Amino acid sequence: MKKSFVIRIDEETFKLLESWAQDEFRSVNGQIEFLIHQGLQKSGRMKKNKNNNDKGSVDKD
């Protein structure tokens, strides 16, 4: 199950994030999820497995 929440982000950061997401064929939401998953894996808080890897652990919207 996915949870929804509001995030406040400055306009310049959003534009950069939006551009990055487009480069990787993701929505902004998908890009944020991808980055969060990467950060969790890198910090050791989320274990890597066959269904959760660096090449697309988040569905592209």
N, C-alpha and C. Protein backbone atom coordinates (compact mmCIF):
# COMPACT_ATOMS: atom_id res chain seq x y z
N MET A 1 0.84 -1.18 0.00
CA MET A 1 0.00 0.00 0.00
C MET A 1 0.89 1.25 0.00
N LYS A 2 0.54 2.21 -0.78
CA LYS A 2 1.28 3.47 -0.83
C LYS A 2 0.55 4.51 -0.01
N LYS A 3 1.31 5.33 0.66
CA LYS A 3 0.79 6.44 1.47
C LYS A 3 0.98 7.74 0.70
N SER A 4 0.06 8.64 0.85
CA SER A 4 0.17 9.97 0.25
C SER A 4 0.51 10.99 1.32
N PHE A 5 1.31 11.99 0.93
CA PHE A 5 1.62 13.09 1.83
C PHE A 5 2.04 14.30 1.02
N VAL A 6 2.00 15.44 1.64
CA VAL A 6 2.36 16.70 0.98
C VAL A 6 3.84 16.97 1.22
N ILE A 7 4.50 17.43 0.19
CA ILE A 7 5.91 17.84 0.33
C ILE A 7 6.03 19.26 -0.21
N ARG A 8 6.72 20.07 0.54
CA ARG A 8 6.96 21.46 0.11
C ARG A 8 8.40 21.53 -0.40
N ILE A 9 8.54 22.09 -1.59
CA ILE A 9 9.86 22.16 -2.22
C ILE A 9 9.93 23.46 -3.00
N ASP A 10 11.06 24.11 -2.96
CA ASP A 10 11.16 25.40 -3.65
C ASP A 10 11.10 25.20 -5.17
N GLU A 11 10.69 26.23 -5.86
CA GLU A 11 10.43 26.15 -7.30
C GLU A 11 11.66 25.74 -8.10
N GLU A 12 12.81 26.29 -7.78
CA GLU A 12 14.03 25.96 -8.52
C GLU A 12 14.39 24.48 -8.37
N THR A 13 14.29 23.97 -7.15
CA THR A 13 14.58 22.55 -6.91
C THR A 13 13.58 21.68 -7.65
N PHE A 14 12.31 22.07 -7.64
CA PHE A 14 11.29 21.29 -8.35
C PHE A 14 11.59 21.24 -9.84
N LYS A 15 11.96 22.37 -10.42
CA LYS A 15 12.27 22.40 -11.86
C LYS A 15 13.44 21.48 -12.19
N LEU A 16 14.47 21.49 -11.34
CA LEU A 16 15.61 20.60 -11.56
C LEU A 16 15.20 19.13 -11.44
N LEU A 17 14.39 18.84 -10.44
CA LEU A 17 13.91 17.48 -10.23
C LEU A 17 13.02 17.03 -11.40
N GLU A 18 12.19 17.93 -11.88
CA GLU A 18 11.31 17.63 -13.00
C GLU A 18 12.12 17.30 -14.26
N SER A 19 13.16 18.09 -14.51
CA SER A 19 14.02 17.85 -15.66
C SER A 19 14.75 16.51 -15.55
N TRP A 20 15.26 16.21 -14.37
CA TRP A 20 15.95 14.95 -14.11
C TRP A 20 14.98 13.78 -14.32
N ALA A 21 13.78 13.91 -13.82
CA ALA A 21 12.77 12.86 -13.97
C ALA A 21 12.47 12.62 -15.45
N GLN A 22 12.33 13.68 -16.22
CA GLN A 22 12.06 13.54 -17.65
C GLN A 22 13.21 12.83 -18.36
N ASP A 23 14.44 13.15 -17.96
CA ASP A 23 15.61 12.50 -18.55
C ASP A 23 15.59 10.99 -18.33
N GLU A 24 15.00 10.55 -17.24
CA GLU A 24 14.96 9.13 -16.90
C GLU A 24 13.58 8.51 -17.13
N PHE A 25 12.72 9.24 -17.87
CA PHE A 25 11.39 8.77 -18.23
C PHE A 25 10.54 8.39 -17.02
N ARG A 26 10.61 9.23 -15.99
CA ARG A 26 9.81 9.06 -14.79
C ARG A 26 8.99 10.32 -14.54
N SER A 27 7.95 10.15 -13.75
CA SER A 27 7.23 11.31 -13.23
C SER A 27 8.07 11.90 -12.10
N VAL A 28 7.74 13.10 -11.67
CA VAL A 28 8.44 13.69 -10.53
C VAL A 28 8.24 12.80 -9.30
N ASN A 29 7.01 12.34 -9.11
CA ASN A 29 6.72 11.46 -7.98
C ASN A 29 7.56 10.18 -8.05
N GLY A 30 7.64 9.58 -9.23
CA GLY A 30 8.43 8.37 -9.42
C GLY A 30 9.90 8.62 -9.15
N GLN A 31 10.40 9.79 -9.56
CA GLN A 31 11.80 10.13 -9.33
C GLN A 31 12.09 10.29 -7.84
N ILE A 32 11.17 10.94 -7.12
CA ILE A 32 11.35 11.11 -5.68
C ILE A 32 11.37 9.75 -4.99
N GLU A 33 10.44 8.87 -5.37
CA GLU A 33 10.41 7.52 -4.79
C GLU A 33 11.71 6.78 -5.08
N PHE A 34 12.19 6.88 -6.31
CA PHE A 34 13.44 6.22 -6.70
C PHE A 34 14.61 6.72 -5.84
N LEU A 35 14.69 8.03 -5.67
CA LEU A 35 15.78 8.61 -4.88
C LEU A 35 15.70 8.20 -3.41
N ILE A 36 14.49 8.15 -2.88
CA ILE A 36 14.32 7.71 -1.49
C ILE A 36 14.77 6.26 -1.34
N HIS A 37 14.36 5.40 -2.27
CA HIS A 37 14.77 3.99 -2.21
C HIS A 37 16.29 3.86 -2.30
N GLN A 38 16.90 4.62 -3.21
CA GLN A 38 18.37 4.58 -3.33
C GLN A 38 19.03 4.99 -2.02
N GLY A 39 18.55 6.05 -1.43
CA GLY A 39 19.10 6.54 -0.17
C GLY A 39 18.94 5.52 0.95
N LEU A 40 17.79 4.87 1.03
CA LEU A 40 17.56 3.85 2.04
C LEU A 40 18.48 2.66 1.85
N GLN A 41 18.69 2.25 0.60
CA GLN A 41 19.60 1.15 0.33
C GLN A 41 21.04 1.52 0.66
N LYS A 42 21.45 2.70 0.23
CA LYS A 42 22.83 3.15 0.47
C LYS A 42 23.13 3.25 1.96
N SER A 43 22.15 3.66 2.75
CA SER A 43 22.35 3.81 4.19
C SER A 43 22.28 2.48 4.94
N GLY A 44 21.89 1.43 4.22
CA GLY A 44 21.77 0.12 4.84
C GLY A 44 20.45 -0.09 5.57
N ARG A 45 19.53 0.82 5.41
CA ARG A 45 18.23 0.70 6.08
C ARG A 45 17.26 -0.16 5.29
N MET A 46 17.54 -0.38 4.01
CA MET A 46 16.71 -1.24 3.17
C MET A 46 17.63 -2.20 2.45
N LYS A 47 17.36 -3.47 2.57
CA LYS A 47 18.19 -4.48 1.93
C LYS A 47 17.85 -4.58 0.46
N LYS A 48 18.86 -4.80 -0.37
CA LYS A 48 18.65 -5.03 -1.79
C LYS A 48 18.18 -6.46 -1.98
N ASN A 49 17.26 -6.66 -2.93
CA ASN A 49 16.84 -8.00 -3.31
C ASN A 49 16.45 -8.00 -4.77
N LYS A 50 16.02 -9.14 -5.28
CA LYS A 50 15.73 -9.23 -6.71
C LYS A 50 14.58 -8.31 -7.15
N ASN A 51 13.66 -8.00 -6.25
CA ASN A 51 12.55 -7.11 -6.59
C ASN A 51 12.83 -5.66 -6.26
N ASN A 52 14.01 -5.36 -5.73
CA ASN A 52 14.31 -4.01 -5.26
C ASN A 52 15.78 -3.74 -5.52
N ASN A 53 16.10 -3.36 -6.77
CA ASN A 53 17.49 -3.11 -7.10
C ASN A 53 17.68 -1.71 -7.63
N ASP A 54 18.92 -1.32 -7.89
CA ASP A 54 19.23 0.05 -8.30
C ASP A 54 18.76 0.39 -9.71
N LYS A 55 18.41 -0.60 -10.52
CA LYS A 55 18.06 -0.33 -11.92
C LYS A 55 16.59 -0.09 -12.15
N GLY A 56 15.79 0.05 -11.12
CA GLY A 56 14.38 0.32 -11.35
C GLY A 56 13.51 -0.20 -10.24
N SER A 57 13.91 0.04 -9.04
CA SER A 57 13.15 -0.47 -7.91
C SER A 57 11.80 0.21 -7.78
N VAL A 58 11.61 1.28 -8.49
CA VAL A 58 10.34 2.02 -8.42
C VAL A 58 9.73 2.02 -9.81
N ASP A 59 8.43 1.76 -9.88
CA ASP A 59 7.75 1.81 -11.15
C ASP A 59 7.82 3.20 -11.75
N LYS A 60 8.05 3.26 -13.04
CA LYS A 60 8.06 4.55 -13.73
C LYS A 60 6.64 4.91 -14.07
N ASP A 61 6.23 6.11 -13.69
CA ASP A 61 4.85 6.55 -13.94
C ASP A 61 4.69 7.08 -15.35
